[in-house]
């Protein structure tokens, strides 16, 4: 609704946010919610 593609979501983070996105990649809870 904001003009974005929900199938083309990159997650990024710095420092603790970097650890967080690295862990999101391993979590079953987050599967299918991002592609990079």
ModelCIF file with pLDDT and N, C-alpha, C, O atoms, coordinates in Angstrom:
data_MODEL
#
_entry.id   MODEL 
#
_entity.id                         1 
_entity.type                       polymer 
_entity.pdbx_number_of_molecules   1 
#
_entity_poly.entity_id                      1 
_entity_poly.type                           'polypeptide(L)' 
_entity_poly.nstd_linkage                   no 
_entity_poly.nstd_monomer                   no 
_entity_poly.pdbx_seq_one_letter_code       
;(UNK)(UNK)(UNK)(UNK)(UNK)(UNK)(UNK)(UNK)(UNK)(UNK)(UNK)(UNK)(UNK)(UNK)(UNK)(UNK)
(UNK)(UNK)(UNK)(UNK)(UNK)(UNK)(UNK)(UNK)(UNK)(UNK)(UNK)(UNK)(UNK)(UNK)(UNK)(UNK)
(UNK)(UNK)(UNK)(UNK)
;
_entity_poly.pdbx_seq_one_letter_code_can   XXXXXXXXXXXXXXXXXXXXXXXXXXXXXXXXXXXX 
_entity_poly.pdbx_strand_id                 A 
#
loop_
_entity_poly_seq.entity_id 
_entity_poly_seq.num 
_entity_poly_seq.mon_id 
_entity_poly_seq.hetero 
1 1  UNK n 
1 2  UNK n 
1 3  UNK n 
1 4  UNK n 
1 5  UNK n 
1 6  UNK n 
1 7  UNK n 
1 8  UNK n 
1 9  UNK n 
1 10 UNK n 
1 11 UNK n 
1 12 UNK n 
1 13 UNK n 
1 14 UNK n 
1 15 UNK n 
1 16 UNK n 
1 17 UNK n 
1 18 UNK n 
1 19 UNK n 
1 20 UNK n 
1 21 UNK n 
1 22 UNK n 
1 23 UNK n 
1 24 UNK n 
1 25 UNK n 
1 26 UNK n 
1 27 UNK n 
1 28 UNK n 
1 29 UNK n 
1 30 UNK n 
1 31 UNK n 
1 32 UNK n 
1 33 UNK n 
1 34 UNK n 
1 35 UNK n 
1 36 UNK n 
#
_struct_asym.id          A 
_struct_asym.entity_id   1 
#
loop_
_ma_qa_metric.id 
_ma_qa_metric.mode 
_ma_qa_metric.name 
_ma_qa_metric.software_group_id 
_ma_qa_metric.type 
1 global pLDDT . pLDDT 
2 local  pLDDT . pLDDT 
#
_ma_qa_metric_global.metric_id      1 
_ma_qa_metric_global.metric_value   97.83 
_ma_qa_metric_global.model_id       1 
_ma_qa_metric_global.ordinal_id     1 
#
loop_
_ma_qa_metric_local.label_asym_id 
_ma_qa_metric_local.label_comp_id 
_ma_qa_metric_local.label_seq_id 
_ma_qa_metric_local.metric_id 
_ma_qa_metric_local.metric_value 
_ma_qa_metric_local.model_id 
_ma_qa_metric_local.ordinal_id 
A UNK 1  2 98.00 1 1  
A UNK 2  2 98.00 1 2  
A UNK 3  2 98.00 1 3  
A UNK 4  2 98.00 1 4  
A UNK 5  2 98.00 1 5  
A UNK 6  2 98.00 1 6  
A UNK 7  2 98.00 1 7  
A UNK 8  2 98.00 1 8  
A UNK 9  2 98.00 1 9  
A UNK 10 2 98.00 1 10 
A UNK 11 2 98.00 1 11 
A UNK 12 2 98.00 1 12 
A UNK 13 2 98.00 1 13 
A UNK 14 2 98.00 1 14 
A UNK 15 2 98.00 1 15 
A UNK 16 2 98.00 1 16 
A UNK 17 2 98.00 1 17 
A UNK 18 2 98.00 1 18 
A UNK 19 2 98.00 1 19 
A UNK 20 2 98.00 1 20 
A UNK 21 2 98.00 1 21 
A UNK 22 2 98.00 1 22 
A UNK 23 2 98.00 1 23 
A UNK 24 2 98.00 1 24 
A UNK 25 2 98.00 1 25 
A UNK 26 2 98.00 1 26 
A UNK 27 2 98.00 1 27 
A UNK 28 2 96.00 1 28 
A UNK 29 2 97.00 1 29 
A UNK 30 2 98.00 1 30 
A UNK 31 2 96.00 1 31 
A UNK 32 2 97.00 1 32 
A UNK 33 2 98.00 1 33 
A UNK 34 2 98.00 1 34 
A UNK 35 2 98.00 1 35 
A UNK 36 2 98.00 1 36 
#
loop_
_atom_site.group_PDB 
_atom_site.id 
_atom_site.type_symbol 
_atom_site.label_atom_id 
_atom_site.label_alt_id 
_atom_site.label_comp_id 
_atom_site.label_asym_id 
_atom_site.label_entity_id 
_atom_site.label_seq_id 
_atom_site.pdbx_PDB_ins_code 
_atom_site.Cartn_x 
_atom_site.Cartn_y 
_atom_site.Cartn_z 
_atom_site.occupancy 
_atom_site.B_iso_or_equiv 
_atom_site.pdbx_formal_charge 
_atom_site.auth_seq_id 
_atom_site.auth_comp_id 
_atom_site.auth_asym_id 
_atom_site.auth_atom_id 
_atom_site.pdbx_PDB_model_num 
ATOM 1   N N  . UNK A 1 1  ? 0.811  -1.209  0.000  1.00 98.00 ? 1  UNK A N  1 
ATOM 2   C CA . UNK A 1 1  ? 0.000  0.000   0.000  1.00 98.00 ? 1  UNK A CA 1 
ATOM 3   C C  . UNK A 1 1  ? 0.852  1.270   0.000  1.00 98.00 ? 1  UNK A C  1 
ATOM 4   O O  . UNK A 1 1  ? 0.365  2.347   -0.343 1.00 98.00 ? 1  UNK A O  1 
ATOM 5   N N  . UNK A 1 2  ? 2.111  1.144   0.380  1.00 98.00 ? 2  UNK A N  1 
ATOM 6   C CA . UNK A 1 2  ? 3.038  2.268   0.320  1.00 98.00 ? 2  UNK A CA 1 
ATOM 7   C C  . UNK A 1 2  ? 3.807  2.302   -1.008 1.00 98.00 ? 2  UNK A C  1 
ATOM 8   O O  . UNK A 1 2  ? 4.620  3.198   -1.236 1.00 98.00 ? 2  UNK A O  1 
ATOM 9   N N  . UNK A 1 3  ? 3.547  1.326   -1.874 1.00 98.00 ? 3  UNK A N  1 
ATOM 10  C CA . UNK A 1 3  ? 4.237  1.251   -3.156 1.00 98.00 ? 3  UNK A CA 1 
ATOM 11  C C  . UNK A 1 3  ? 5.365  0.253   -3.189 1.00 98.00 ? 3  UNK A C  1 
ATOM 12  O O  . UNK A 1 3  ? 6.118  0.219   -4.162 1.00 98.00 ? 3  UNK A O  1 
ATOM 13  N N  . UNK A 1 4  ? 5.511  -0.572  -2.150 1.00 98.00 ? 4  UNK A N  1 
ATOM 14  C CA . UNK A 1 4  ? 6.612  -1.517  -2.070 1.00 98.00 ? 4  UNK A CA 1 
ATOM 15  C C  . UNK A 1 4  ? 6.238  -2.913  -2.538 1.00 98.00 ? 4  UNK A C  1 
ATOM 16  O O  . UNK A 1 4  ? 5.061  -3.265  -2.608 1.00 98.00 ? 4  UNK A O  1 
ATOM 17  N N  . UNK A 1 5  ? 7.251  -3.699  -2.857 1.00 98.00 ? 5  UNK A N  1 
ATOM 18  C CA . UNK A 1 5  ? 7.081  -5.084  -3.281 1.00 98.00 ? 5  UNK A CA 1 
ATOM 19  C C  . UNK A 1 5  ? 7.315  -5.985  -2.074 1.00 98.00 ? 5  UNK A C  1 
ATOM 20  O O  . UNK A 1 5  ? 8.444  -6.116  -1.601 1.00 98.00 ? 5  UNK A O  1 
ATOM 21  N N  . UNK A 1 6  ? 6.251  -6.605  -1.578 1.00 98.00 ? 6  UNK A N  1 
ATOM 22  C CA . UNK A 1 6  ? 6.390  -7.427  -0.372 1.00 98.00 ? 6  UNK A CA 1 
ATOM 23  C C  . UNK A 1 6  ? 7.174  -8.710  -0.620 1.00 98.00 ? 6  UNK A C  1 
ATOM 24  O O  . UNK A 1 6  ? 7.550  -9.403  0.326  1.00 98.00 ? 6  UNK A O  1 
ATOM 25  N N  . UNK A 1 7  ? 7.421  -9.030  -1.891 1.00 98.00 ? 7  UNK A N  1 
ATOM 26  C CA . UNK A 1 7  ? 8.247  -10.195 -2.206 1.00 98.00 ? 7  UNK A CA 1 
ATOM 27  C C  . UNK A 1 7  ? 9.696  -9.820  -2.490 1.00 98.00 ? 7  UNK A C  1 
ATOM 28  O O  . UNK A 1 7  ? 10.491 -10.684 -2.859 1.00 98.00 ? 7  UNK A O  1 
ATOM 29  N N  . UNK A 1 8  ? 10.050 -8.562  -2.328 1.00 98.00 ? 8  UNK A N  1 
ATOM 30  C CA . UNK A 1 8  ? 11.428 -8.106  -2.565 1.00 98.00 ? 8  UNK A CA 1 
ATOM 31  C C  . UNK A 1 8  ? 11.876 -7.248  -1.389 1.00 98.00 ? 8  UNK A C  1 
ATOM 32  O O  . UNK A 1 8  ? 12.023 -6.031  -1.501 1.00 98.00 ? 8  UNK A O  1 
ATOM 33  N N  . UNK A 1 9  ? 12.089 -7.917  -0.258 1.00 98.00 ? 9  UNK A N  1 
ATOM 34  C CA . UNK A 1 9  ? 12.460 -7.238  0.990  1.00 98.00 ? 9  UNK A CA 1 
ATOM 35  C C  . UNK A 1 9  ? 13.863 -7.677  1.391  1.00 98.00 ? 9  UNK A C  1 
ATOM 36  O O  . UNK A 1 9  ? 14.129 -8.867  1.558  1.00 98.00 ? 9  UNK A O  1 
ATOM 37  N N  . UNK A 1 10 ? 14.749 -6.712  1.543  1.00 98.00 ? 10 UNK A N  1 
ATOM 38  C CA . UNK A 1 10 ? 16.092 -6.952  2.060  1.00 98.00 ? 10 UNK A CA 1 
ATOM 39  C C  . UNK A 1 10 ? 16.116 -6.549  3.525  1.00 98.00 ? 10 UNK A C  1 
ATOM 40  O O  . UNK A 1 10 ? 15.609 -5.486  3.882  1.00 98.00 ? 10 UNK A O  1 
ATOM 41  N N  . UNK A 1 11 ? 16.698 -7.383  4.376  1.00 98.00 ? 11 UNK A N  1 
ATOM 42  C CA . UNK A 1 11 ? 16.884 -6.979  5.770  1.00 98.00 ? 11 UNK A CA 1 
ATOM 43  C C  . UNK A 1 11 ? 18.358 -6.626  5.969  1.00 98.00 ? 11 UNK A C  1 
ATOM 44  O O  . UNK A 1 11 ? 19.247 -7.351  5.522  1.00 98.00 ? 11 UNK A O  1 
ATOM 45  N N  . UNK A 1 12 ? 18.600 -5.516  6.637  1.00 98.00 ? 12 UNK A N  1 
ATOM 46  C CA . UNK A 1 12 ? 19.956 -5.034  6.890  1.00 98.00 ? 12 UNK A CA 1 
ATOM 47  C C  . UNK A 1 12 ? 20.032 -4.559  8.325  1.00 98.00 ? 12 UNK A C  1 
ATOM 48  O O  . UNK A 1 12 ? 19.020 -4.205  8.929  1.00 98.00 ? 12 UNK A O  1 
ATOM 49  N N  . UNK A 1 13 ? 21.238 -4.553  8.867  1.00 98.00 ? 13 UNK A N  1 
ATOM 50  C CA . UNK A 1 13 ? 21.414 -4.064  10.230 1.00 98.00 ? 13 UNK A CA 1 
ATOM 51  C C  . UNK A 1 13 ? 22.869 -3.810  10.513 1.00 98.00 ? 13 UNK A C  1 
ATOM 52  O O  . UNK A 1 13 ? 23.753 -4.388  9.880  1.00 98.00 ? 13 UNK A O  1 
ATOM 53  N N  . UNK A 1 14 ? 23.114 -2.930  11.478 1.00 98.00 ? 14 UNK A N  1 
ATOM 54  C CA . UNK A 1 14 ? 24.481 -2.605  11.855 1.00 98.00 ? 14 UNK A CA 1 
ATOM 55  C C  . UNK A 1 14 ? 24.707 -2.953  13.321 1.00 98.00 ? 14 UNK A C  1 
ATOM 56  O O  . UNK A 1 14 ? 23.832 -2.748  14.162 1.00 98.00 ? 14 UNK A O  1 
ATOM 57  N N  . UNK A 1 15 ? 25.904 -3.486  13.619 1.00 98.00 ? 15 UNK A N  1 
ATOM 58  C CA . UNK A 1 15 ? 26.299 -3.872  14.969 1.00 98.00 ? 15 UNK A CA 1 
ATOM 59  C C  . UNK A 1 15 ? 25.325 -4.922  15.516 1.00 98.00 ? 15 UNK A C  1 
ATOM 60  O O  . UNK A 1 15 ? 25.209 -5.997  14.929 1.00 98.00 ? 15 UNK A O  1 
ATOM 61  N N  . UNK A 1 16 ? 24.627 -4.646  16.616 1.00 98.00 ? 16 UNK A N  1 
ATOM 62  C CA . UNK A 1 16 ? 23.651 -5.614  17.111 1.00 98.00 ? 16 UNK A CA 1 
ATOM 63  C C  . UNK A 1 16 ? 22.590 -5.896  16.059 1.00 98.00 ? 16 UNK A C  1 
ATOM 64  O O  . UNK A 1 16 ? 22.095 -7.019  15.963 1.00 98.00 ? 16 UNK A O  1 
ATOM 65  N N  . UNK A 1 17 ? 22.238 -4.890  15.270 1.00 98.00 ? 17 UNK A N  1 
ATOM 66  C CA . UNK A 1 17 ? 21.293 -5.115  14.177 1.00 98.00 ? 17 UNK A CA 1 
ATOM 67  C C  . UNK A 1 17 ? 21.843 -6.072  13.141 1.00 98.00 ? 17 UNK A C  1 
ATOM 68  O O  . UNK A 1 17 ? 21.087 -6.804  12.501 1.00 98.00 ? 17 UNK A O  1 
ATOM 69  N N  . UNK A 1 18 ? 23.160 -6.068  12.971 1.00 98.00 ? 18 UNK A N  1 
ATOM 70  C CA . UNK A 1 18 ? 23.805 -7.013  12.063 1.00 98.00 ? 18 UNK A CA 1 
ATOM 71  C C  . UNK A 1 18 ? 23.673 -8.435  12.579 1.00 98.00 ? 18 UNK A C  1 
ATOM 72  O O  . UNK A 1 18 ? 23.343 -9.346  11.820 1.00 98.00 ? 18 UNK A O  1 
ATOM 73  N N  . UNK A 1 19 ? 23.932 -8.630  13.872 1.00 98.00 ? 19 UNK A N  1 
ATOM 74  C CA . UNK A 1 19 ? 23.714 -9.944  14.485 1.00 98.00 ? 19 UNK A CA 1 
ATOM 75  C C  . UNK A 1 19 ? 22.256 -10.355 14.321 1.00 98.00 ? 19 UNK A C  1 
ATOM 76  O O  . UNK A 1 19 ? 21.955 -11.511 14.023 1.00 98.00 ? 19 UNK A O  1 
ATOM 77  N N  . UNK A 1 20 ? 21.358 -9.401  14.518 1.00 98.00 ? 20 UNK A N  1 
ATOM 78  C CA . UNK A 1 20 ? 19.928 -9.704  14.453 1.00 98.00 ? 20 UNK A CA 1 
ATOM 79  C C  . UNK A 1 20 ? 19.518 -10.219 13.073 1.00 98.00 ? 20 UNK A C  1 
ATOM 80  O O  . UNK A 1 20 ? 18.837 -11.239 12.974 1.00 98.00 ? 20 UNK A O  1 
ATOM 81  N N  . UNK A 1 21 ? 19.927 -9.522  12.003 1.00 98.00 ? 21 UNK A N  1 
ATOM 82  C CA . UNK A 1 21 ? 19.506 -9.985  10.674 1.00 98.00 ? 21 UNK A CA 1 
ATOM 83  C C  . UNK A 1 21 ? 20.183 -11.296 10.318 1.00 98.00 ? 21 UNK A C  1 
ATOM 84  O O  . UNK A 1 21 ? 19.618 -12.112 9.590  1.00 98.00 ? 21 UNK A O  1 
ATOM 85  N N  . UNK A 1 22 ? 21.402 -11.505 10.832 1.00 98.00 ? 22 UNK A N  1 
ATOM 86  C CA . UNK A 1 22 ? 22.092 -12.771 10.619 1.00 98.00 ? 22 UNK A CA 1 
ATOM 87  C C  . UNK A 1 22 ? 21.342 -13.913 11.298 1.00 98.00 ? 22 UNK A C  1 
ATOM 88  O O  . UNK A 1 22 ? 21.300 -15.026 10.773 1.00 98.00 ? 22 UNK A O  1 
ATOM 89  N N  . UNK A 1 23 ? 20.743 -13.643 12.474 1.00 98.00 ? 23 UNK A N  1 
ATOM 90  C CA . UNK A 1 23 ? 19.945 -14.652 13.170 1.00 98.00 ? 23 UNK A CA 1 
ATOM 91  C C  . UNK A 1 23 ? 18.577 -14.833 12.527 1.00 98.00 ? 23 UNK A C  1 
ATOM 92  O O  . UNK A 1 23 ? 18.060 -15.949 12.475 1.00 98.00 ? 23 UNK A O  1 
ATOM 93  N N  . UNK A 1 24 ? 17.986 -13.749 12.039 1.00 98.00 ? 24 UNK A N  1 
ATOM 94  C CA . UNK A 1 24 ? 16.697 -13.863 11.359 1.00 98.00 ? 24 UNK A CA 1 
ATOM 95  C C  . UNK A 1 24 ? 16.793 -14.831 10.181 1.00 98.00 ? 24 UNK A C  1 
ATOM 96  O O  . UNK A 1 24 ? 15.839 -15.540 9.862  1.00 98.00 ? 24 UNK A O  1 
ATOM 97  N N  . UNK A 1 25 ? 17.957 -14.847 9.546  1.00 98.00 ? 25 UNK A N  1 
ATOM 98  C CA . UNK A 1 25 ? 18.176 -15.755 8.424  1.00 98.00 ? 25 UNK A CA 1 
ATOM 99  C C  . UNK A 1 25 ? 18.083 -17.224 8.852  1.00 98.00 ? 25 UNK A C  1 
ATOM 100 O O  . UNK A 1 25 ? 17.749 -18.088 8.042  1.00 98.00 ? 25 UNK A O  1 
ATOM 101 N N  . UNK A 1 26 ? 18.379 -17.502 10.123 1.00 98.00 ? 26 UNK A N  1 
ATOM 102 C CA . UNK A 1 26 ? 18.391 -18.876 10.626 1.00 98.00 ? 26 UNK A CA 1 
ATOM 103 C C  . UNK A 1 26 ? 17.081 -19.292 11.284 1.00 98.00 ? 26 UNK A C  1 
ATOM 104 O O  . UNK A 1 26 ? 16.903 -20.469 11.597 1.00 98.00 ? 26 UNK A O  1 
ATOM 105 N N  . UNK A 1 27 ? 16.170 -18.364 11.499 1.00 98.00 ? 27 UNK A N  1 
ATOM 106 C CA . UNK A 1 27 ? 14.969 -18.630 12.285 1.00 98.00 ? 27 UNK A CA 1 
ATOM 107 C C  . UNK A 1 27 ? 13.802 -19.079 11.412 1.00 98.00 ? 27 UNK A C  1 
ATOM 108 O O  . UNK A 1 27 ? 13.507 -18.466 10.386 1.00 98.00 ? 27 UNK A O  1 
ATOM 109 N N  . UNK A 1 28 ? 13.150 -20.147 11.828 1.00 96.00 ? 28 UNK A N  1 
ATOM 110 C CA . UNK A 1 28 ? 11.951 -20.604 11.121 1.00 96.00 ? 28 UNK A CA 1 
ATOM 111 C C  . UNK A 1 28 ? 10.841 -19.557 11.187 1.00 96.00 ? 28 UNK A C  1 
ATOM 112 O O  . UNK A 1 28 ? 10.021 -19.472 10.273 1.00 96.00 ? 28 UNK A O  1 
ATOM 113 N N  . UNK A 1 29 ? 10.804 -18.765 12.250 1.00 97.00 ? 29 UNK A N  1 
ATOM 114 C CA . UNK A 1 29 ? 9.765  -17.742 12.388 1.00 97.00 ? 29 UNK A CA 1 
ATOM 115 C C  . UNK A 1 29 ? 9.812  -16.720 11.257 1.00 97.00 ? 29 UNK A C  1 
ATOM 116 O O  . UNK A 1 29 ? 8.782  -16.164 10.877 1.00 97.00 ? 29 UNK A O  1 
ATOM 117 N N  . UNK A 1 30 ? 11.011 -16.469 10.716 1.00 98.00 ? 30 UNK A N  1 
ATOM 118 C CA . UNK A 1 30 ? 11.177 -15.387 9.741  1.00 98.00 ? 30 UNK A CA 1 
ATOM 119 C C  . UNK A 1 30 ? 11.223 -15.877 8.298  1.00 98.00 ? 30 UNK A C  1 
ATOM 120 O O  . UNK A 1 30 ? 11.435 -15.073 7.390  1.00 98.00 ? 30 UNK A O  1 
ATOM 121 N N  . UNK A 1 31 ? 11.031 -17.163 8.063  1.00 96.00 ? 31 UNK A N  1 
ATOM 122 C CA . UNK A 1 31 ? 11.108 -17.689 6.698  1.00 96.00 ? 31 UNK A CA 1 
ATOM 123 C C  . UNK A 1 31 ? 10.046 -17.048 5.815  1.00 96.00 ? 31 UNK A C  1 
ATOM 124 O O  . UNK A 1 31 ? 8.894  -16.885 6.218  1.00 96.00 ? 31 UNK A O  1 
ATOM 125 N N  . UNK A 1 32 ? 10.455 -16.689 4.606  1.00 97.00 ? 32 UNK A N  1 
ATOM 126 C CA . UNK A 1 32 ? 9.538  -16.126 3.636  1.00 97.00 ? 32 UNK A CA 1 
ATOM 127 C C  . UNK A 1 32 ? 9.281  -14.646 3.791  1.00 97.00 ? 32 UNK A C  1 
ATOM 128 O O  . UNK A 1 32 ? 8.479  -14.082 3.046  1.00 97.00 ? 32 UNK A O  1 
ATOM 129 N N  . UNK A 1 33 ? 9.939  -13.996 4.742  1.00 98.00 ? 33 UNK A N  1 
ATOM 130 C CA . UNK A 1 33 ? 9.679  -12.576 4.999  1.00 98.00 ? 33 UNK A CA 1 
ATOM 131 C C  . UNK A 1 33 ? 10.717 -11.664 4.371  1.00 98.00 ? 33 UNK A C  1 
ATOM 132 O O  . UNK A 1 33 ? 10.571 -10.444 4.438  1.00 98.00 ? 33 UNK A O  1 
ATOM 133 N N  . UNK A 1 34 ? 11.766 -12.215 3.760  1.00 98.00 ? 34 UNK A N  1 
ATOM 134 C CA . UNK A 1 34 ? 12.805 -11.409 3.113  1.00 98.00 ? 34 UNK A CA 1 
ATOM 135 C C  . UNK A 1 34 ? 13.547 -12.300 2.124  1.00 98.00 ? 34 UNK A C  1 
ATOM 136 O O  . UNK A 1 34 ? 13.455 -13.526 2.182  1.00 98.00 ? 34 UNK A O  1 
ATOM 137 N N  . UNK A 1 35 ? 14.293 -11.657 1.205  1.00 98.00 ? 35 UNK A N  1 
ATOM 138 C CA . UNK A 1 35 ? 15.005 -12.452 0.203  1.00 98.00 ? 35 UNK A CA 1 
ATOM 139 C C  . UNK A 1 35 ? 16.464 -12.063 0.029  1.00 98.00 ? 35 UNK A C  1 
ATOM 140 O O  . UNK A 1 35 ? 17.135 -12.595 -0.855 1.00 98.00 ? 35 UNK A O  1 
ATOM 141 N N  . UNK A 1 36 ? 16.978 -11.142 0.855  1.00 98.00 ? 36 UNK A N  1 
ATOM 142 C CA . UNK A 1 36 ? 18.395 -10.772 0.848  1.00 98.00 ? 36 UNK A CA 1 
ATOM 143 C C  . UNK A 1 36 ? 18.750 -10.266 2.242  1.00 98.00 ? 36 UNK A C  1 
ATOM 144 O O  . UNK A 1 36 ? 19.896 -9.892  2.490  1.00 98.00 ? 36 UNK A O  1 
#
